[in-house]
Amino acid sequence: MVNNKKKREKFINNVISEIKNRDEAITLLVGNQKGGVGKTTNSCLIAYQLAKKGVKTLVADLDPQSNATKILVLTRDNIKDDAVTIKKTIYSGLKDGSLEDVPINIMDNLDLLPSHIDFKHFDKEVIRATTDDDEAAHFLKPYFEPLKKKYDVIILDTPPFIETVNQNGIVMSDYVLISLQSQQLSLDGAVDFVNDTLRPLAYRNNLNIEVVGILPILVDEHNRADLTVLKQAREIFGEENMFEHIIYQRARIKRFPMVGISEDSMYEQRVMQMYLEVTDELIYRLGIFLGVDNNE
């Protein structure tokens, strides 16, 4: 068991080295057709853990509700003494023709591409600037190309229901992480996202994109309904596609949108341990897709 643990840790470190040595960032979209299923929480806390591992990470908040922006700015306030001023948002950067000067630093190895309510006009901007559906789905990609040269991983936090945003996110992503809250509507949203959005778009555009896994979040391990939904998810997606590590329901997770991410208390540290395990599994899964040697 000890040898297996050491081998796994070595493999994860090798994957991190592989990711850091790439010419451009791995882009990971966190998706589900339904809202309120932990996409933003997973985006922010996985990004936080990646940054602590020395992986230069950018969170792109593609939601006009800007919840990822709020969480990460509060997180910065917990770490740094000086207040941050958001001078530009994703949308204002798009209007200016570049996103390169938009990211703000949150902590070592973690930057944020902030959003605001102005991003609700994204659809109108895309319609104005493009001539057909295919061009519309590729609208964001050239804006992110320069950013891919500056980071190791870019995490896209996407909104529910805004089709144009999700299509753009999928087109420029390498991998998708499905966020699954243990509720029937969340499972339905995950299935709809894969079948109605991801697969058709990938087929039409010949995308080389993979689902890295299904990550259950806010699971009540004592609730029969929660466990039933997880059982159904395993049957639908396959056991091998479900994350082994699960984010269980903890009150502290619900506090992060109010106070930002911190590790000051024992309760927060327990949440951080869950996300450390999930992040390690994510890196491991990426390593398999990347073909990193696991036999050393």
C-alpha atoms as a PDB file:
ATOM      1  CA  MET A   1       0.000   0.000   0.000  1.00  0.00           C
ATOM      2  CA  VAL A   2       2.837   2.407   0.906  1.00  0.00           C
ATOM      3  CA  ASN A   3       4.615   1.621  -2.364  1.00  0.00           C
ATOM      4  CA  ASN A   4       1.384   2.213  -4.316  1.00  0.00           C
ATOM      5  CA  LYS A   5       0.894   5.549  -2.552  1.00  0.00           C
ATOM      6  CA  LYS A   6       4.462   6.615  -3.318  1.00  0.00           C
ATOM      7  CA  LYS A   7       4.071   5.521  -6.939  1.00  0.00           C
ATOM      8  CA  ARG A   8       0.856   7.537  -7.240  1.00  0.00           C
ATOM      9  CA  GLU A   9       2.490  10.618  -5.718  1.00  0.00           C
ATOM     10  CA  LYS A  10       5.437  10.289  -8.078  1.00  0.00           C
ATOM     11  CA  PHE A  11       3.104   9.972 -11.055  1.00  0.00           C
ATOM     12  CA  ILE A  12       1.148  13.066  -9.982  1.00  0.00           C
ATOM     13  CA  ASN A  13       4.408  15.024  -9.661  1.00  0.00           C
ATOM     14  CA  ASN A  14       5.451  13.826 -13.119  1.00  0.00           C
ATOM     15  CA  VAL A  15       2.116  14.978 -14.542  1.00  0.00           C
ATOM     16  CA  ILE A  16       2.552  18.393 -12.947  1.00  0.00           C
ATOM     17  CA  SER A  17       5.989  18.650 -14.565  1.00  0.00           C
ATOM     18  CA  GLU A  18       4.487  17.651 -17.915  1.00  0.00           C
ATOM     19  CA  ILE A  19       1.747  20.282 -17.587  1.00  0.00           C
ATOM     20  CA  LYS A  20       4.224  23.000 -16.613  1.00  0.00           C
ATOM     21  CA  ASN A  21       6.508  22.156 -19.535  1.00  0.00           C
ATOM     22  CA  ARG A  22       3.807  22.397 -22.198  1.00  0.00           C
ATOM     23  CA  ASP A  23       3.893  25.251 -24.702  1.00  0.00           C
ATOM     24  CA  GLU A  24       0.376  26.328 -23.801  1.00  0.00           C
ATOM     25  CA  ALA A  25      -2.144  25.875 -21.029  1.00  0.00           C
ATOM     26  CA  ILE A  26      -4.470  22.956 -20.612  1.00  0.00           C
ATOM     27  CA  THR A  27      -7.966  24.435 -20.736  1.00  0.00           C
ATOM     28  CA  LEU A  28     -10.576  22.801 -18.506  1.00  0.00           C
ATOM     29  CA  LEU A  29     -14.268  23.650 -18.651  1.00  0.00           C
ATOM     30  CA  VAL A  30     -16.371  22.919 -15.560  1.00  0.00           C
ATOM     31  CA  GLY A  31     -19.839  22.185 -16.871  1.00  0.00           C
ATOM     32  CA  ASN A  32     -23.416  21.141 -16.272  1.00  0.00           C
ATOM     33  CA  GLN A  33     -26.571  22.330 -17.989  1.00  0.00           C
ATOM     34  CA  LYS A  34     -28.163  23.186 -14.632  1.00  0.00           C
ATOM     35  CA  GLY A  35     -27.240  26.024 -12.310  1.00  0.00           C
ATOM     36  CA  GLY A  36     -26.504  25.705  -8.608  1.00  0.00           C
ATOM     37  CA  VAL A  37     -24.657  22.397  -8.908  1.00  0.00           C
ATOM     38  CA  GLY A  38     -21.229  23.409  -7.604  1.00  0.00           C
ATOM     39  CA  LYS A  39     -19.513  24.492 -10.833  1.00  0.00           C
ATOM     40  CA  THR A  40     -18.131  27.710  -9.364  1.00  0.00           C
ATOM     41  CA  THR A  41     -17.156  26.108  -6.065  1.00  0.00           C
ATOM     42  CA  ASN A  42     -15.288  23.356  -7.884  1.00  0.00           C
ATOM     43  CA  SER A  43     -13.633  25.826 -10.271  1.00  0.00           C
ATOM     44  CA  CYS A  44     -12.326  28.067  -7.500  1.00  0.00           C
ATOM     45  CA  LEU A  45     -11.225  25.421  -5.006  1.00  0.00           C
ATOM     46  CA  ILE A  46      -9.527  23.202  -7.584  1.00  0.00           C
ATOM     47  CA  ALA A  47      -7.749  26.276  -8.966  1.00  0.00           C
ATOM     48  CA  TYR A  48      -6.668  27.188  -5.427  1.00  0.00           C
ATOM     49  CA  GLN A  49      -5.194  23.715  -4.894  1.00  0.00           C
ATOM     50  CA  LEU A  50      -3.466  23.705  -8.283  1.00  0.00           C
ATOM     51  CA  ALA A  51      -1.864  27.057  -7.459  1.00  0.00           C
ATOM     52  CA  LYS A  52      -0.579  25.706  -4.147  1.00  0.00           C
ATOM     53  CA  LYS A  53       1.106  22.915  -6.118  1.00  0.00           C
ATOM     54  CA  GLY A  54       2.959  25.478  -8.201  1.00  0.00           C
ATOM     55  CA  VAL A  55       0.717  25.174 -11.265  1.00  0.00           C
ATOM     56  CA  LYS A  56       0.213  28.635 -12.775  1.00  0.00           C
ATOM     57  CA  THR A  57      -3.562  28.783 -13.009  1.00  0.00           C
ATOM     58  CA  LEU A  58      -6.100  31.208 -14.451  1.00  0.00           C
ATOM     59  CA  VAL A  59      -9.801  31.113 -13.578  1.00  0.00           C
ATOM     60  CA  ALA A  60     -11.902  32.661 -16.341  1.00  0.00           C
ATOM     61  CA  ASP A  61     -15.278  33.727 -14.960  1.00  0.00           C
ATOM     62  CA  LEU A  62     -17.625  33.431 -17.946  1.00  0.00           C
ATOM     63  CA  ASP A  63     -20.783  34.054 -15.931  1.00  0.00           C
ATOM     64  CA  PRO A  64     -22.474  37.485 -15.675  1.00  0.00           C
ATOM     65  CA  GLN A  65     -23.431  36.581 -12.104  1.00  0.00           C
ATOM     66  CA  SER A  66     -19.650  36.753 -11.461  1.00  0.00           C
ATOM     67  CA  ASN A  67     -19.721  34.410  -8.456  1.00  0.00           C
ATOM     68  CA  ALA A  68     -16.214  33.092  -9.119  1.00  0.00           C
ATOM     69  CA  THR A  69     -14.995  36.688  -9.224  1.00  0.00           C
ATOM     70  CA  LYS A  70     -16.605  37.437  -5.855  1.00  0.00           C
ATOM     71  CA  ILE A  71     -15.178  34.307  -4.204  1.00  0.00           C
ATOM     72  CA  LEU A  72     -11.656  34.850  -5.480  1.00  0.00           C
ATOM     73  CA  VAL A  73     -11.537  38.575  -4.723  1.00  0.00           C
ATOM     74  CA  LEU A  74     -12.605  37.754  -1.144  1.00  0.00           C
ATOM     75  CA  THR A  75      -9.923  35.064  -1.118  1.00  0.00           C
ATOM     76  CA  ARG A  76      -7.343  37.664  -2.137  1.00  0.00           C
ATOM     77  CA  ASP A  77      -8.537  39.888   0.720  1.00  0.00           C
ATOM     78  CA  ASN A  78      -7.831  37.012   3.108  1.00  0.00           C
ATOM     79  CA  ILE A  79      -4.265  36.682   1.825  1.00  0.00           C
ATOM     80  CA  LYS A  80      -3.094  40.207   1.000  1.00  0.00           C
ATOM     81  CA  ASP A  81      -3.215  43.490   2.880  1.00  0.00           C
ATOM     82  CA  ASP A  82      -3.867  45.765  -0.088  1.00  0.00           C
ATOM     83  CA  ALA A  83      -7.302  46.053  -1.692  1.00  0.00           C
ATOM     84  CA  VAL A  84      -7.681  45.182  -5.349  1.00  0.00           C
ATOM     85  CA  THR A  85      -9.442  47.370  -7.895  1.00  0.00           C
ATOM     86  CA  ILE A  86     -10.968  45.625 -10.887  1.00  0.00           C
ATOM     87  CA  LYS A  87     -10.279  48.054 -13.698  1.00  0.00           C
ATOM     88  CA  LYS A  88     -11.375  45.795 -16.550  1.00  0.00           C
ATOM     89  CA  THR A  89     -13.664  42.799 -16.931  1.00  0.00           C
ATOM     90  CA  ILE A  90     -13.773  40.084 -19.554  1.00  0.00           C
ATOM     91  CA  TYR A  91     -16.470  41.965 -21.432  1.00  0.00           C
ATOM     92  CA  SER A  92     -14.655  45.312 -21.419  1.00  0.00           C
ATOM     93  CA  GLY A  93     -11.516  43.494 -22.547  1.00  0.00           C
ATOM     94  CA  LEU A  94     -13.417  41.969 -25.443  1.00  0.00           C
ATOM     95  CA  LYS A  95     -14.707  45.399 -26.391  1.00  0.00           C
ATOM     96  CA  ASP A  96     -11.121  46.703 -26.336  1.00  0.00           C
ATOM     97  CA  GLY A  97      -9.922  43.801 -28.465  1.00  0.00           C
ATOM     98  CA  SER A  98      -7.683  41.985 -25.947  1.00  0.00           C
ATOM     99  CA  LEU A  99      -7.852  40.081 -22.650  1.00  0.00           C
ATOM    100  CA  GLU A 100      -4.129  40.185 -21.949  1.00  0.00           C
ATOM    101  CA  ASP A 101      -4.264  43.049 -19.453  1.00  0.00           C
ATOM    102  CA  VAL A 102      -7.487  41.906 -17.747  1.00  0.00           C
ATOM    103  CA  PRO A 103      -6.311  39.162 -15.292  1.00  0.00           C
ATOM    104  CA  ILE A 104      -5.781  40.161 -11.666  1.00  0.00           C
ATOM    105  CA  ASN A 105      -3.555  38.282  -9.247  1.00  0.00           C
ATOM    106  CA  ILE A 106      -5.240  36.476  -6.353  1.00  0.00           C
ATOM    107  CA  MET A 107      -2.276  34.628  -4.841  1.00  0.00           C
ATOM    108  CA  ASP A 108       0.952  32.998  -5.953  1.00  0.00           C
ATOM    109  CA  ASN A 109       0.250  31.062  -9.172  1.00  0.00           C
ATOM    110  CA  LEU A 110      -3.448  32.015  -9.277  1.00  0.00           C
ATOM    111  CA  ASP A 111      -4.960  34.761 -11.435  1.00  0.00           C
ATOM    112  CA  LEU A 112      -8.562  35.668 -12.193  1.00  0.00           C
ATOM    113  CA  LEU A 113     -10.166  36.866 -15.392  1.00  0.00           C
ATOM    114  CA  PRO A 114     -12.979  38.781 -13.693  1.00  0.00           C
ATOM    115  CA  SER A 115     -16.550  39.035 -14.853  1.00  0.00           C
ATOM    116  CA  HIS A 116     -19.378  41.470 -14.108  1.00  0.00           C
ATOM    117  CA  ILE A 117     -23.015  41.972 -14.978  1.00  0.00           C
ATOM    118  CA  ASP A 118     -21.882  43.578 -18.260  1.00  0.00           C
ATOM    119  CA  PHE A 119     -21.092  40.071 -19.536  1.00  0.00           C
ATOM    120  CA  LYS A 120     -24.843  39.593 -20.021  1.00  0.00           C
ATOM    121  CA  HIS A 121     -24.329  41.488 -23.303  1.00  0.00           C
ATOM    122  CA  PHE A 122     -21.967  38.800 -24.618  1.00  0.00           C
ATOM    123  CA  ASP A 123     -24.599  37.257 -26.899  1.00  0.00           C
ATOM    124  CA  LYS A 124     -25.319  40.613 -28.529  1.00  0.00           C
ATOM    125  CA  GLU A 125     -21.611  41.223 -29.077  1.00  0.00           C
ATOM    126  CA  VAL A 126     -21.199  37.806 -30.691  1.00  0.00           C
ATOM    127  CA  ILE A 127     -24.212  38.347 -32.975  1.00  0.00           C
ATOM    128  CA  ARG A 128     -22.836  41.742 -33.994  1.00  0.00           C
ATOM    129  CA  ALA A 129     -19.354  40.425 -34.737  1.00  0.00           C
ATOM    130  CA  THR A 130     -20.090  37.084 -36.464  1.00  0.00           C
ATOM    131  CA  THR A 131     -21.986  35.869 -39.507  1.00  0.00           C
ATOM    132  CA  ASP A 132     -22.963  32.271 -38.694  1.00  0.00           C
ATOM    133  CA  ASP A 133     -23.278  29.749 -35.842  1.00  0.00           C
ATOM    134  CA  ASP A 134     -19.860  28.220 -36.425  1.00  0.00           C
ATOM    135  CA  GLU A 135     -18.123  31.583 -36.297  1.00  0.00           C
ATOM    136  CA  ALA A 136     -20.146  32.498 -33.204  1.00  0.00           C
ATOM    137  CA  ALA A 137     -19.000  29.339 -31.377  1.00  0.00           C
ATOM    138  CA  HIS A 138     -15.355  30.271 -32.072  1.00  0.00           C
ATOM    139  CA  PHE A 139     -15.660  33.922 -31.071  1.00  0.00           C
ATOM    140  CA  LEU A 140     -13.718  33.704 -27.789  1.00  0.00           C
ATOM    141  CA  LYS A 141     -10.963  31.349 -28.914  1.00  0.00           C
ATOM    142  CA  PRO A 142      -8.568  33.909 -30.472  1.00  0.00           C
ATOM    143  CA  TYR A 143      -8.841  36.121 -27.375  1.00  0.00           C
ATOM    144  CA  PHE A 144      -7.633  33.249 -25.186  1.00  0.00           C
ATOM    145  CA  GLU A 145      -4.728  32.164 -27.391  1.00  0.00           C
ATOM    146  CA  PRO A 146      -2.263  34.711 -25.915  1.00  0.00           C
ATOM    147  CA  LEU A 147      -3.353  33.757 -22.373  1.00  0.00           C
ATOM    148  CA  LYS A 148      -2.668  30.092 -23.074  1.00  0.00           C
ATOM    149  CA  LYS A 149       1.010  30.994 -23.490  1.00  0.00           C
ATOM    150  CA  LYS A 150       1.151  32.517 -19.988  1.00  0.00           C
ATOM    151  CA  TYR A 151      -0.490  29.819 -17.855  1.00  0.00           C
ATOM    152  CA  ASP A 152      -0.241  26.103 -17.175  1.00  0.00           C
ATOM    153  CA  VAL A 153      -3.978  25.563 -16.651  1.00  0.00           C
ATOM    154  CA  ILE A 154      -6.997  27.719 -17.524  1.00  0.00           C
ATOM    155  CA  ILE A 155     -10.260  26.830 -15.793  1.00  0.00           C
ATOM    156  CA  LEU A 156     -13.475  28.076 -17.395  1.00  0.00           C
ATOM    157  CA  ASP A 157     -16.379  28.665 -15.009  1.00  0.00           C
ATOM    158  CA  THR A 158     -19.458  28.695 -17.214  1.00  0.00           C
ATOM    159  CA  PRO A 159     -23.075  29.735 -16.595  1.00  0.00           C
ATOM    160  CA  PRO A 160     -26.127  27.516 -17.076  1.00  0.00           C
ATOM    161  CA  PHE A 161     -28.435  28.046 -20.047  1.00  0.00           C
ATOM    162  CA  ILE A 162     -26.341  30.666 -21.902  1.00  0.00           C
ATOM    163  CA  GLU A 163     -25.747  28.558 -24.987  1.00  0.00           C
ATOM    164  CA  THR A 164     -23.303  30.850 -26.770  1.00  0.00           C
ATOM    165  CA  VAL A 165     -20.986  31.030 -23.752  1.00  0.00           C
ATOM    166  CA  ASN A 166     -21.001  27.269 -23.240  1.00  0.00           C
ATOM    167  CA  GLN A 167     -20.362  26.633 -26.926  1.00  0.00           C
ATOM    168  CA  ASN A 168     -17.398  29.012 -26.900  1.00  0.00           C
ATOM    169  CA  GLY A 169     -16.071  27.392 -23.737  1.00  0.00           C
ATOM    170  CA  ILE A 170     -16.283  23.908 -25.225  1.00  0.00           C
ATOM    171  CA  VAL A 171     -14.642  24.942 -28.506  1.00  0.00           C
ATOM    172  CA  MET A 172     -11.541  26.274 -26.770  1.00  0.00           C
ATOM    173  CA  SER A 173     -11.266  23.558 -24.093  1.00  0.00           C
ATOM    174  CA  ASP A 174      -9.155  20.419 -23.973  1.00  0.00           C
ATOM    175  CA  TYR A 175     -11.098  18.747 -21.169  1.00  0.00           C
ATOM    176  CA  VAL A 176     -14.465  18.964 -19.430  1.00  0.00           C
ATOM    177  CA  LEU A 177     -15.104  18.283 -15.761  1.00  0.00           C
ATOM    178  CA  ILE A 178     -18.776  17.611 -15.060  1.00  0.00           C
ATOM    179  CA  SER A 179     -19.900  19.028 -11.714  1.00  0.00           C
ATOM    180  CA  LEU A 180     -22.639  16.823 -10.233  1.00  0.00           C
ATOM    181  CA  GLN A 181     -24.606  17.740  -7.143  1.00  0.00           C
ATOM    182  CA  SER A 182     -26.348  14.655  -5.801  1.00  0.00           C
ATOM    183  CA  GLN A 183     -29.833  15.701  -6.902  1.00  0.00           C
ATOM    184  CA  GLN A 184     -31.965  14.366  -9.744  1.00  0.00           C
ATOM    185  CA  LEU A 185     -32.128  17.707 -11.573  1.00  0.00           C
ATOM    186  CA  SER A 186     -28.352  18.017 -11.434  1.00  0.00           C
ATOM    187  CA  LEU A 187     -27.978  14.513 -12.881  1.00  0.00           C
ATOM    188  CA  ASP A 188     -30.464  15.409 -15.621  1.00  0.00           C
ATOM    189  CA  GLY A 189     -28.457  18.580 -16.311  1.00  0.00           C
ATOM    190  CA  ALA A 190     -25.228  16.591 -16.562  1.00  0.00           C
ATOM    191  CA  VAL A 191     -26.776  14.144 -19.030  1.00  0.00           C
ATOM    192  CA  ASP A 192     -28.274  16.983 -21.089  1.00  0.00           C
ATOM    193  CA  PHE A 193     -24.950  18.836 -21.115  1.00  0.00           C
ATOM    194  CA  VAL A 194     -23.101  15.810 -22.496  1.00  0.00           C
ATOM    195  CA  ASN A 195     -25.774  14.651 -24.946  1.00  0.00           C
ATOM    196  CA  ASP A 196     -27.280  17.943 -26.151  1.00  0.00           C
ATOM    197  CA  THR A 197     -24.367  20.372 -25.966  1.00  0.00           C
ATOM    198  CA  LEU A 198     -20.959  18.709 -25.717  1.00  0.00           C
ATOM    199  CA  ARG A 199     -21.272  15.770 -28.106  1.00  0.00           C
ATOM    200  CA  PRO A 200     -23.054  17.570 -30.978  1.00  0.00           C
ATOM    201  CA  LEU A 201     -20.654  20.510 -30.831  1.00  0.00           C
ATOM    202  CA  ALA A 202     -17.605  18.264 -30.643  1.00  0.00           C
ATOM    203  CA  TYR A 203     -18.869  16.244 -33.620  1.00  0.00           C
ATOM    204  CA  ARG A 204     -19.697  19.271 -35.790  1.00  0.00           C
ATOM    205  CA  ASN A 205     -16.358  20.943 -35.111  1.00  0.00           C
ATOM    206  CA  ASN A 206     -14.190  17.812 -34.953  1.00  0.00           C
ATOM    207  CA  LEU A 207     -12.994  18.808 -31.482  1.00  0.00           C
ATOM    208  CA  ASN A 208     -10.334  16.846 -29.642  1.00  0.00           C
ATOM    209  CA  ILE A 209     -12.006  17.221 -26.254  1.00  0.00           C
ATOM    210  CA  GLU A 210     -12.374  14.679 -23.443  1.00  0.00           C
ATOM    211  CA  VAL A 211     -14.562  14.408 -20.358  1.00  0.00           C
ATOM    212  CA  VAL A 212     -11.965  14.037 -17.605  1.00  0.00           C
ATOM    213  CA  GLY A 213     -14.614  12.822 -15.164  1.00  0.00           C
ATOM    214  CA  ILE A 214     -17.802  13.388 -13.187  1.00  0.00           C
ATOM    215  CA  LEU A 215     -17.178  15.050  -9.810  1.00  0.00           C
ATOM    216  CA  PRO A 216     -19.950  14.643  -7.183  1.00  0.00           C
ATOM    217  CA  ILE A 217     -20.270  17.599  -4.811  1.00  0.00           C
ATOM    218  CA  LEU A 218     -22.262  18.374  -1.654  1.00  0.00           C
ATOM    219  CA  VAL A 219     -23.103  14.719  -1.167  1.00  0.00           C
ATOM    220  CA  ASP A 220     -24.845  13.807   2.087  1.00  0.00           C
ATOM    221  CA  GLU A 221     -23.422  10.365   2.777  1.00  0.00           C
ATOM    222  CA  HIS A 222     -26.340   9.616   5.119  1.00  0.00           C
ATOM    223  CA  ASN A 223     -29.083  10.583   2.664  1.00  0.00           C
ATOM    224  CA  ARG A 224     -30.585   7.714   0.669  1.00  0.00           C
ATOM    225  CA  ALA A 225     -31.711  10.041  -2.140  1.00  0.00           C
ATOM    226  CA  ASP A 226     -28.160  11.350  -2.599  1.00  0.00           C
ATOM    227  CA  LEU A 227     -26.750   7.841  -2.753  1.00  0.00           C
ATOM    228  CA  THR A 228     -29.436   6.811  -5.245  1.00  0.00           C
ATOM    229  CA  VAL A 229     -28.481   9.672  -7.580  1.00  0.00           C
ATOM    230  CA  LEU A 230     -24.807   8.643  -7.390  1.00  0.00           C
ATOM    231  CA  LYS A 231     -25.761   5.059  -8.213  1.00  0.00           C
ATOM    232  CA  GLN A 232     -27.732   6.274 -11.235  1.00  0.00           C
ATOM    233  CA  ALA A 233     -24.796   8.445 -12.336  1.00  0.00           C
ATOM    234  CA  ARG A 234     -22.445   5.457 -12.200  1.00  0.00           C
ATOM    235  CA  GLU A 235     -24.873   3.442 -14.315  1.00  0.00           C
ATOM    236  CA  ILE A 236     -25.245   6.239 -16.890  1.00  0.00           C
ATOM    237  CA  PHE A 237     -21.653   7.459 -17.168  1.00  0.00           C
ATOM    238  CA  GLY A 238     -19.761   4.345 -16.094  1.00  0.00           C
ATOM    239  CA  GLU A 239     -17.923   3.722 -12.846  1.00  0.00           C
ATOM    240  CA  GLU A 240     -14.560   4.563 -14.440  1.00  0.00           C
ATOM    241  CA  ASN A 241     -15.766   8.073 -15.341  1.00  0.00           C
ATOM    242  CA  MET A 242     -16.889   8.923 -11.806  1.00  0.00           C
ATOM    243  CA  PHE A 243     -14.341  10.544  -9.509  1.00  0.00           C
ATOM    244  CA  GLU A 244     -13.301   8.195  -6.731  1.00  0.00           C
ATOM    245  CA  HIS A 245     -12.991  11.143  -4.361  1.00  0.00           C
ATOM    246  CA  ILE A 246     -16.196  12.989  -3.526  1.00  0.00           C
ATOM    247  CA  ILE A 247     -16.910  16.428  -2.073  1.00  0.00           C
ATOM    248  CA  TYR A 248     -19.205  15.722   0.846  1.00  0.00           C
ATOM    249  CA  GLN A 249     -21.692  18.224   2.195  1.00  0.00           C
ATOM    250  CA  ARG A 250     -20.008  20.489   4.716  1.00  0.00           C
ATOM    251  CA  ALA A 251     -21.307  23.794   6.055  1.00  0.00           C
ATOM    252  CA  ARG A 252     -17.979  25.542   5.440  1.00  0.00           C
ATOM    253  CA  ILE A 253     -18.277  25.051   1.684  1.00  0.00           C
ATOM    254  CA  LYS A 254     -21.369  27.235   1.682  1.00  0.00           C
ATOM    255  CA  ARG A 255     -19.462  29.979   3.540  1.00  0.00           C
ATOM    256  CA  PHE A 256     -16.769  30.463   0.898  1.00  0.00           C
ATOM    257  CA  PRO A 257     -18.990  32.683  -1.323  1.00  0.00           C
ATOM    258  CA  MET A 258     -19.501  34.942   1.700  1.00  0.00           C
ATOM    259  CA  VAL A 259     -15.963  35.079   3.104  1.00  0.00           C
ATOM    260  CA  GLY A 260     -13.664  33.686   0.416  1.00  0.00           C
ATOM    261  CA  ILE A 261     -11.348  30.695   0.646  1.00  0.00           C
ATOM    262  CA  SER A 262      -9.250  30.326   3.772  1.00  0.00           C
ATOM    263  CA  GLU A 263      -7.666  27.577   5.847  1.00  0.00           C
ATOM    264  CA  ASP A 264      -7.816  29.213   9.249  1.00  0.00           C
ATOM    265  CA  SER A 265     -10.086  26.758  11.036  1.00  0.00           C
ATOM    266  CA  MET A 266     -10.126  23.005  11.454  1.00  0.00           C
ATOM    267  CA  TYR A 267     -13.387  22.868   9.479  1.00  0.00           C
ATOM    268  CA  GLU A 268     -11.923  24.754   6.534  1.00  0.00           C
ATOM    269  CA  GLN A 269      -8.848  22.531   6.591  1.00  0.00           C
ATOM    270  CA  ARG A 270     -11.073  19.459   6.314  1.00  0.00           C
ATOM    271  CA  VAL A 271     -12.727  20.927   3.221  1.00  0.00           C
ATOM    272  CA  MET A 272      -9.308  21.750   1.813  1.00  0.00           C
ATOM    273  CA  GLN A 273      -8.231  18.138   2.352  1.00  0.00           C
ATOM    274  CA  MET A 274     -11.196  16.926   0.289  1.00  0.00           C
ATOM    275  CA  TYR A 275     -10.278  19.317  -2.509  1.00  0.00           C
ATOM    276  CA  LEU A 276      -6.613  18.342  -2.306  1.00  0.00           C
ATOM    277  CA  GLU A 277      -7.616  14.708  -2.893  1.00  0.00           C
ATOM    278  CA  VAL A 278      -9.948  15.702  -5.744  1.00  0.00           C
ATOM    279  CA  THR A 279      -7.247  17.864  -7.338  1.00  0.00           C
ATOM    280  CA  ASP A 280      -4.715  15.051  -7.105  1.00  0.00           C
ATOM    281  CA  GLU A 281      -7.213  12.741  -8.794  1.00  0.00           C
ATOM    282  CA  LEU A 282      -7.841  15.335 -11.495  1.00  0.00           C
ATOM    283  CA  ILE A 283      -4.103  15.595 -12.142  1.00  0.00           C
ATOM    284  CA  TYR A 284      -3.845  11.799 -12.202  1.00  0.00           C
ATOM    285  CA  ARG A 285      -6.681  11.559 -14.739  1.00  0.00           C
ATOM    286  CA  LEU A 286      -5.089  14.263 -16.886  1.00  0.00           C
ATOM    287  CA  GLY A 287      -1.847  12.312 -16.780  1.00  0.00           C
ATOM    288  CA  ILE A 288      -3.564   9.253 -18.231  1.00  0.00           C
ATOM    289  CA  PHE A 289      -4.993  11.335 -21.097  1.00  0.00           C
ATOM    290  CA  LEU A 290      -1.625  13.000 -21.672  1.00  0.00           C
ATOM    291  CA  GLY A 291       0.129   9.647 -21.840  1.00  0.00           C
ATOM    292  CA  VAL A 292       2.514  10.339 -18.965  1.00  0.00           C
ATOM    293  CA  ASP A 293       4.560   7.233 -18.126  1.00  0.00           C
ATOM    294  CA  ASN A 294       3.161   5.529 -15.014  1.00  0.00           C
ATOM    295  CA  ASN A 295       5.565   2.600 -14.913  1.00  0.00           C
ATOM    296  CA  GLU A 296       8.671   4.166 -13.439  1.00  0.00           C
END
